[in-house]
Amino acid sequence: MKASDLQLERLLRAAAAIRKEAPEEMPFGFDTRVLAAWRAERKQDLVAVGRLLRRVVLLSLGVIVLAGVGVYHDLQQSDELLAPNDEYAIADNAIGAVFDQ
């Protein structure tokens, strides 16, 4: 046998020889610590949800502002409110005509 096998066997025998008795009751104050940690974690979860909601609102406002700037730019480029050669207007009219039938 190799030296490492002998050392492993000796280690396993030593670990099996130790008898550790389990405590019969919880340590003093354990339940209080568990409840306090749970309550603190629950408050942090609410804070995390608030942060997520704030980020979603800010991102949504950014998208709305960008869309508004794009619409404003598009309206400034065209002379009329709905230009007759606007591809989107033509497609919208064609779709509306199909559904009106």
N, C-alpha and C. Protein backbone atom coordinates (compact mmCIF):
# COMPACT_ATOMS: atom_id res chain seq x y z
N MET A 1 0.83 -1.18 0.00
CA MET A 1 0.00 0.00 0.00
C MET A 1 0.87 1.24 0.00
N LYS A 2 0.33 2.27 -0.56
CA LYS A 2 1.06 3.53 -0.60
C LYS A 2 0.97 4.22 0.75
N ALA A 3 1.85 5.15 0.95
CA ALA A 3 1.87 5.89 2.21
C ALA A 3 0.61 6.74 2.35
N SER A 4 0.13 7.28 1.23
CA SER A 4 -1.08 8.11 1.30
C SER A 4 -2.30 7.27 1.66
N ASP A 5 -2.34 5.99 1.18
CA ASP A 5 -3.45 5.11 1.54
C ASP A 5 -3.43 4.79 3.03
N LEU A 6 -2.24 4.58 3.59
CA LEU A 6 -2.13 4.31 5.01
C LEU A 6 -2.56 5.52 5.84
N GLN A 7 -2.14 6.69 5.40
CA GLN A 7 -2.53 7.90 6.12
C GLN A 7 -4.04 8.12 6.05
N LEU A 8 -4.64 7.87 4.89
CA LEU A 8 -6.08 8.03 4.75
C LEU A 8 -6.83 7.04 5.63
N GLU A 9 -6.39 5.79 5.65
CA GLU A 9 -7.03 4.78 6.49
C GLU A 9 -6.92 5.15 7.97
N ARG A 10 -5.76 5.62 8.37
CA ARG A 10 -5.56 6.04 9.76
C ARG A 10 -6.46 7.22 10.12
N LEU A 11 -6.60 8.18 9.19
CA LEU A 11 -7.46 9.34 9.41
C LEU A 11 -8.92 8.92 9.53
N LEU A 12 -9.38 8.01 8.67
CA LEU A 12 -10.76 7.55 8.72
C LEU A 12 -11.05 6.78 10.01
N ARG A 13 -10.10 5.96 10.45
CA ARG A 13 -10.30 5.23 11.72
C ARG A 13 -10.38 6.19 12.90
N ALA A 14 -9.53 7.23 12.87
CA ALA A 14 -9.55 8.21 13.96
C ALA A 14 -10.87 9.00 13.96
N ALA A 15 -11.38 9.31 12.78
CA ALA A 15 -12.65 10.04 12.70
C ALA A 15 -13.81 9.18 13.16
N ALA A 16 -13.77 7.88 12.86
CA ALA A 16 -14.85 6.99 13.27
C ALA A 16 -14.81 6.72 14.77
N ALA A 17 -13.66 6.84 15.40
CA ALA A 17 -13.55 6.53 16.82
C ALA A 17 -14.12 7.64 17.70
N ILE A 18 -14.22 8.84 17.17
CA ILE A 18 -14.72 9.97 17.98
C ILE A 18 -16.24 9.91 18.03
N ARG A 19 -16.78 9.96 19.21
CA ARG A 19 -18.23 9.97 19.41
C ARG A 19 -18.61 11.35 19.96
N LYS A 20 -19.31 12.08 19.16
CA LYS A 20 -19.73 13.40 19.58
C LYS A 20 -21.22 13.35 19.88
N GLU A 21 -21.56 13.75 21.09
CA GLU A 21 -22.96 13.72 21.46
C GLU A 21 -23.62 15.02 21.01
N ALA A 22 -24.80 14.89 20.45
CA ALA A 22 -25.55 16.06 19.99
C ALA A 22 -26.22 16.73 21.20
N PRO A 23 -26.26 18.04 21.22
CA PRO A 23 -26.92 18.71 22.33
C PRO A 23 -28.43 18.42 22.31
N GLU A 24 -29.01 18.33 23.48
CA GLU A 24 -30.42 17.99 23.58
C GLU A 24 -31.32 19.19 23.40
N GLU A 25 -30.81 20.39 23.57
CA GLU A 25 -31.64 21.58 23.41
C GLU A 25 -30.87 22.64 22.64
N MET A 26 -31.62 23.61 22.15
CA MET A 26 -30.99 24.70 21.41
C MET A 26 -30.18 25.57 22.35
N PRO A 27 -29.13 26.18 21.83
CA PRO A 27 -28.35 27.11 22.65
C PRO A 27 -29.21 28.30 23.08
N PHE A 28 -28.85 28.91 24.18
CA PHE A 28 -29.60 30.02 24.73
C PHE A 28 -29.62 31.19 23.74
N GLY A 29 -30.79 31.69 23.42
CA GLY A 29 -30.94 32.83 22.54
C GLY A 29 -30.89 32.52 21.07
N PHE A 30 -30.81 31.25 20.70
CA PHE A 30 -30.72 30.88 19.29
C PHE A 30 -31.98 31.28 18.53
N ASP A 31 -33.15 31.00 19.10
CA ASP A 31 -34.40 31.31 18.41
C ASP A 31 -34.57 32.82 18.25
N THR A 32 -34.13 33.59 19.22
CA THR A 32 -34.21 35.05 19.13
C THR A 32 -33.31 35.57 18.01
N ARG A 33 -32.10 35.01 17.91
CA ARG A 33 -31.19 35.43 16.85
C ARG A 33 -31.75 35.08 15.47
N VAL A 34 -32.36 33.90 15.36
CA VAL A 34 -32.92 33.49 14.08
C VAL A 34 -34.06 34.42 13.68
N LEU A 35 -34.96 34.73 14.60
CA LEU A 35 -36.07 35.62 14.30
C LEU A 35 -35.60 37.03 13.97
N ALA A 36 -34.59 37.52 14.69
CA ALA A 36 -34.06 38.86 14.41
C ALA A 36 -33.43 38.91 13.02
N ALA A 37 -32.69 37.88 12.66
CA ALA A 37 -32.08 37.85 11.33
C ALA A 37 -33.15 37.77 10.25
N TRP A 38 -34.20 37.01 10.49
CA TRP A 38 -35.29 36.89 9.51
C TRP A 38 -36.00 38.22 9.31
N ARG A 39 -36.28 38.92 10.41
CA ARG A 39 -36.94 40.22 10.30
C ARG A 39 -36.07 41.25 9.60
N ALA A 40 -34.77 41.25 9.89
CA ALA A 40 -33.86 42.18 9.23
C ALA A 40 -33.78 41.88 7.74
N GLU A 41 -33.77 40.61 7.39
CA GLU A 41 -33.72 40.22 5.99
C GLU A 41 -34.99 40.62 5.27
N ARG A 42 -36.13 40.51 5.94
CA ARG A 42 -37.40 40.88 5.34
C ARG A 42 -37.44 42.37 5.05
N LYS A 43 -36.91 43.20 5.95
CA LYS A 43 -36.87 44.64 5.71
C LYS A 43 -35.96 44.97 4.53
N GLN A 44 -34.85 44.25 4.42
CA GLN A 44 -33.96 44.49 3.29
C GLN A 44 -34.60 44.07 1.99
N ASP A 45 -35.45 43.05 2.00
CA ASP A 45 -36.15 42.64 0.79
C ASP A 45 -37.08 43.75 0.32
N LEU A 46 -37.77 44.41 1.25
CA LEU A 46 -38.65 45.51 0.89
C LEU A 46 -37.85 46.68 0.32
N VAL A 47 -36.69 46.93 0.89
CA VAL A 47 -35.83 48.00 0.38
C VAL A 47 -35.36 47.65 -1.03
N ALA A 48 -35.02 46.39 -1.25
CA ALA A 48 -34.57 45.96 -2.58
C ALA A 48 -35.69 46.10 -3.61
N VAL A 49 -36.91 45.77 -3.21
CA VAL A 49 -38.05 45.92 -4.12
C VAL A 49 -38.26 47.40 -4.43
N GLY A 50 -38.13 48.25 -3.43
CA GLY A 50 -38.25 49.70 -3.65
C GLY A 50 -37.20 50.22 -4.61
N ARG A 51 -35.98 49.76 -4.46
CA ARG A 51 -34.90 50.17 -5.38
C ARG A 51 -35.19 49.70 -6.80
N LEU A 52 -35.66 48.47 -6.93
CA LEU A 52 -35.99 47.94 -8.26
C LEU A 52 -37.11 48.75 -8.89
N LEU A 53 -38.13 49.07 -8.11
CA LEU A 53 -39.25 49.86 -8.62
C LEU A 53 -38.78 51.24 -9.06
N ARG A 54 -37.91 51.86 -8.28
CA ARG A 54 -37.38 53.17 -8.64
C ARG A 54 -36.60 53.11 -9.95
N ARG A 55 -35.80 52.06 -10.12
CA ARG A 55 -35.03 51.93 -11.37
C ARG A 55 -35.95 51.71 -12.56
N VAL A 56 -36.99 50.92 -12.37
CA VAL A 56 -37.93 50.67 -13.47
C VAL A 56 -38.63 51.96 -13.86
N VAL A 57 -39.04 52.75 -12.88
CA VAL A 57 -39.71 54.02 -13.17
C VAL A 57 -38.77 54.96 -13.90
N LEU A 58 -37.52 55.07 -13.45
CA LEU A 58 -36.57 55.96 -14.11
C LEU A 58 -36.26 55.50 -15.53
N LEU A 59 -36.13 54.21 -15.72
CA LEU A 59 -35.90 53.68 -17.06
C LEU A 59 -37.09 53.95 -17.97
N SER A 60 -38.29 53.78 -17.45
CA SER A 60 -39.51 54.05 -18.23
C SER A 60 -39.59 55.52 -18.61
N LEU A 61 -39.27 56.41 -17.67
CA LEU A 61 -39.28 57.83 -17.99
C LEU A 61 -38.24 58.17 -19.05
N GLY A 62 -37.10 57.52 -18.99
CA GLY A 62 -36.08 57.74 -20.02
C GLY A 62 -36.57 57.31 -21.39
N VAL A 63 -37.24 56.17 -21.46
CA VAL A 63 -37.77 55.69 -22.74
C VAL A 63 -38.85 56.64 -23.25
N ILE A 64 -39.70 57.14 -22.36
CA ILE A 64 -40.75 58.09 -22.77
C ILE A 64 -40.14 59.38 -23.30
N VAL A 65 -39.09 59.86 -22.63
CA VAL A 65 -38.43 61.10 -23.09
C VAL A 65 -37.80 60.87 -24.45
N LEU A 66 -37.11 59.75 -24.63
CA LEU A 66 -36.49 59.46 -25.93
C LEU A 66 -37.54 59.34 -27.03
N ALA A 67 -38.66 58.69 -26.74
CA ALA A 67 -39.73 58.57 -27.73
C ALA A 67 -40.31 59.94 -28.05
N GLY A 68 -40.48 60.77 -27.04
CA GLY A 68 -41.00 62.12 -27.27
C GLY A 68 -40.06 62.95 -28.12
N VAL A 69 -38.77 62.85 -27.86
CA VAL A 69 -37.78 63.57 -28.66
C VAL A 69 -37.83 63.08 -30.10
N GLY A 70 -37.97 61.77 -30.30
CA GLY A 70 -38.06 61.24 -31.66
C GLY A 70 -39.29 61.72 -32.39
N VAL A 71 -40.43 61.75 -31.71
CA VAL A 71 -41.66 62.25 -32.34
C VAL A 71 -41.53 63.73 -32.67
N TYR A 72 -40.97 64.50 -31.74
CA TYR A 72 -40.78 65.93 -31.98
C TYR A 72 -39.87 66.16 -33.19
N HIS A 73 -38.79 65.40 -33.24
CA HIS A 73 -37.86 65.52 -34.38
C HIS A 73 -38.55 65.15 -35.68
N ASP A 74 -39.35 64.10 -35.68
CA ASP A 74 -40.06 63.66 -36.88
C ASP A 74 -41.08 64.71 -37.32
N LEU A 75 -41.77 65.33 -36.37
CA LEU A 75 -42.75 66.35 -36.72
C LEU A 75 -42.08 67.61 -37.25
N GLN A 76 -40.89 67.92 -36.76
CA GLN A 76 -40.16 69.09 -37.25
C GLN A 76 -39.63 68.86 -38.67
N GLN A 77 -39.35 67.61 -39.01
CA GLN A 77 -38.81 67.31 -40.33
C GLN A 77 -39.87 67.37 -41.42
N SER A 78 -41.10 67.03 -41.09
CA SER A 78 -42.14 67.01 -42.11
C SER A 78 -42.87 68.36 -42.11
N ASP A 79 -43.35 68.76 -43.29
CA ASP A 79 -44.05 70.03 -43.41
C ASP A 79 -45.49 69.90 -42.94
N GLU A 80 -46.09 68.75 -43.20
CA GLU A 80 -47.47 68.52 -42.79
C GLU A 80 -47.47 67.60 -41.58
N LEU A 81 -48.64 67.53 -40.93
CA LEU A 81 -48.73 66.67 -39.76
C LEU A 81 -48.58 65.21 -40.16
N LEU A 82 -49.27 64.79 -41.19
CA LEU A 82 -49.10 63.44 -41.74
C LEU A 82 -48.70 63.60 -43.20
N ALA A 83 -47.45 63.40 -43.48
CA ALA A 83 -46.97 63.53 -44.85
C ALA A 83 -47.54 62.40 -45.70
N PRO A 84 -47.95 62.68 -46.93
CA PRO A 84 -48.55 61.63 -47.76
C PRO A 84 -47.56 60.55 -48.15
N ASN A 85 -46.27 60.80 -48.12
CA ASN A 85 -45.30 59.78 -48.49
C ASN A 85 -44.70 59.08 -47.26
N ASP A 86 -45.34 59.22 -46.11
CA ASP A 86 -44.86 58.57 -44.90
C ASP A 86 -45.20 57.08 -44.95
N GLU A 87 -44.19 56.24 -44.87
CA GLU A 87 -44.41 54.80 -45.01
C GLU A 87 -45.29 54.25 -43.90
N TYR A 88 -45.11 54.76 -42.71
CA TYR A 88 -45.90 54.27 -41.58
C TYR A 88 -47.37 54.63 -41.75
N ALA A 89 -47.64 55.84 -42.23
CA ALA A 89 -49.02 56.26 -42.43
C ALA A 89 -49.68 55.42 -43.53
N ILE A 90 -48.95 55.13 -44.59
CA ILE A 90 -49.49 54.30 -45.67
C ILE A 90 -49.80 52.90 -45.15
N ALA A 91 -48.89 52.31 -44.38
CA ALA A 91 -49.12 50.98 -43.83
C ALA A 91 -50.28 51.00 -42.86
N ASP A 92 -50.39 52.05 -42.05
CA ASP A 92 -51.48 52.15 -41.09
C ASP A 92 -52.83 52.26 -41.81
N ASN A 93 -52.87 53.04 -42.87
CA ASN A 93 -54.12 53.16 -43.63
C ASN A 93 -54.50 51.85 -44.30
N ALA A 94 -53.50 51.11 -44.79
CA ALA A 94 -53.78 49.83 -45.44
C ALA A 94 -54.32 48.82 -44.41
N ILE A 95 -53.74 48.79 -43.23
CA ILE A 95 -54.21 47.87 -42.18
C ILE A 95 -55.61 48.26 -41.72
N GLY A 96 -55.84 49.56 -41.57
CA GLY A 96 -57.18 50.02 -41.18
C GLY A 96 -58.23 49.70 -42.22
N ALA A 97 -57.87 49.80 -43.49
CA ALA A 97 -58.81 49.48 -44.56
C ALA A 97 -59.18 48.00 -44.56
N VAL A 98 -58.25 47.14 -44.26
CA VAL A 98 -58.51 45.70 -44.22
C VAL A 98 -59.46 45.36 -43.10
N PHE A 99 -59.27 45.95 -41.92
CA PHE A 99 -60.12 45.64 -40.78
C PHE A 99 -61.48 46.31 -40.83
N ASP A 100 -61.62 47.39 -41.61
CA ASP A 100 -62.90 48.06 -41.73
C ASP A 100 -63.88 47.28 -42.61
N GLN A 101 -63.40 46.38 -43.44
CA GLN A 101 -64.27 45.63 -44.35
C GLN A 101 -65.15 44.66 -43.63
